[in-house]
Amino acid sequence: MTKDTRQKVWMKYHCRCAYCGEDLEFKKMQVDHIECKHFGGKNDISNYNPSCRECNFYKGTDTIPQFKERLSTIIERIQKPF
């Protein structure tokens, strides 16, 4: 991927992670495939999102709705009293 393409991806969400909203340093940004390549996602700017390392790891091959659903269950689980 060219530096120019990475720059465009970074600017899509105003230098923030598309998922958690944290500020991203350009050099630490990971480019996430919105639709995973394994399931037919394209190598195209329209299929790229800027992501922090943690969000990219936890999203994995999930779609965005699947990722949001999994995040909501994590929040529910950590809020349960022991």
Protein backbone atom coordinates (compact mmCIF):
# COMPACT_ATOMS: atom_id res chain seq x y z
CA MET A 1 0.00 0.00 0.00
CA THR A 2 1.37 3.40 -0.92
CA LYS A 3 2.02 6.13 1.60
CA ASP A 4 -0.51 8.30 -0.26
CA THR A 5 -3.23 5.66 0.17
CA ARG A 6 -2.37 5.27 3.87
CA GLN A 7 -2.60 9.05 4.25
CA LYS A 8 -6.09 9.05 2.66
CA VAL A 9 -7.23 6.23 4.95
CA TRP A 10 -5.86 8.08 7.98
CA MET A 11 -7.78 11.22 7.01
CA LYS A 12 -11.12 9.37 6.51
CA TYR A 13 -11.87 9.69 10.25
CA HIS A 14 -9.82 12.84 10.88
CA CYS A 15 -6.78 10.93 12.19
CA ARG A 16 -8.85 8.83 14.59
CA CYS A 17 -9.62 5.13 14.88
CA ALA A 18 -12.84 4.40 12.98
CA TYR A 19 -14.02 2.11 15.78
CA CYS A 20 -13.08 3.60 19.15
CA GLY A 21 -12.40 7.19 18.13
CA GLU A 22 -8.96 7.42 19.73
CA ASP A 23 -6.40 9.76 18.17
CA LEU A 24 -4.06 7.85 15.87
CA GLU A 25 -0.46 8.59 15.09
CA PHE A 26 0.09 8.01 11.39
CA LYS A 27 2.96 5.59 11.99
CA LYS A 28 0.91 3.53 14.49
CA MET A 29 -2.28 3.36 12.41
CA GLN A 30 -3.31 -0.02 11.07
CA VAL A 31 -5.40 -0.19 7.93
CA ASP A 32 -8.40 -2.45 8.48
CA HIS A 33 -10.37 -4.08 5.69
CA ILE A 34 -14.02 -3.24 6.44
CA GLU A 35 -15.02 -6.42 4.63
CA CYS A 36 -12.35 -9.02 5.26
CA LYS A 37 -10.32 -10.11 2.22
CA HIS A 38 -10.96 -13.72 3.19
CA PHE A 39 -14.68 -13.16 2.61
CA GLY A 40 -14.33 -11.23 -0.64
CA GLY A 41 -13.33 -7.75 0.54
CA LYS A 42 -11.40 -5.69 -1.98
CA ASN A 43 -8.09 -3.89 -1.71
CA ASP A 44 -9.70 -0.51 -2.29
CA ILE A 45 -9.84 2.75 -0.33
CA SER A 46 -13.61 2.33 0.04
CA ASN A 47 -12.96 -0.92 1.95
CA TYR A 48 -10.28 0.52 4.25
CA ASN A 49 -10.72 2.05 7.69
CA PRO A 50 -8.07 3.55 9.96
CA SER A 51 -7.76 1.48 13.10
CA CYS A 52 -5.77 1.36 16.30
CA ARG A 53 -3.93 -1.88 16.93
CA GLU A 54 -6.36 -3.06 19.61
CA CYS A 55 -9.53 -2.49 17.57
CA ASN A 56 -8.02 -4.12 14.50
CA PHE A 57 -7.04 -7.14 16.59
CA TYR A 58 -10.44 -7.53 18.26
CA LYS A 59 -12.42 -6.90 15.07
CA GLY A 60 -10.54 -9.65 13.26
CA THR A 61 -12.62 -10.92 10.35
CA ASP A 62 -15.94 -9.69 11.79
CA THR A 63 -18.21 -7.36 9.88
CA ILE A 64 -18.79 -4.02 11.59
CA PRO A 65 -22.23 -5.11 12.93
CA GLN A 66 -20.71 -8.36 14.28
CA PHE A 67 -17.89 -6.39 15.91
CA LYS A 68 -20.34 -3.97 17.55
CA GLU A 69 -22.41 -6.88 18.85
CA ARG A 70 -19.34 -8.56 20.33
CA LEU A 71 -18.27 -5.30 21.96
CA SER A 72 -21.69 -4.89 23.55
CA THR A 73 -21.44 -8.34 25.13
CA ILE A 74 -18.00 -7.52 26.53
CA ILE A 75 -19.39 -4.42 28.21
CA GLU A 76 -22.28 -6.43 29.67
CA ARG A 77 -19.91 -9.10 30.97
CA ILE A 78 -17.53 -6.70 32.72
CA GLN A 79 -20.43 -4.87 34.37
CA LYS A 80 -21.79 -8.02 36.04
CA PRO A 81 -21.25 -8.06 39.80
CA PHE A 82 -19.22 -10.88 41.29
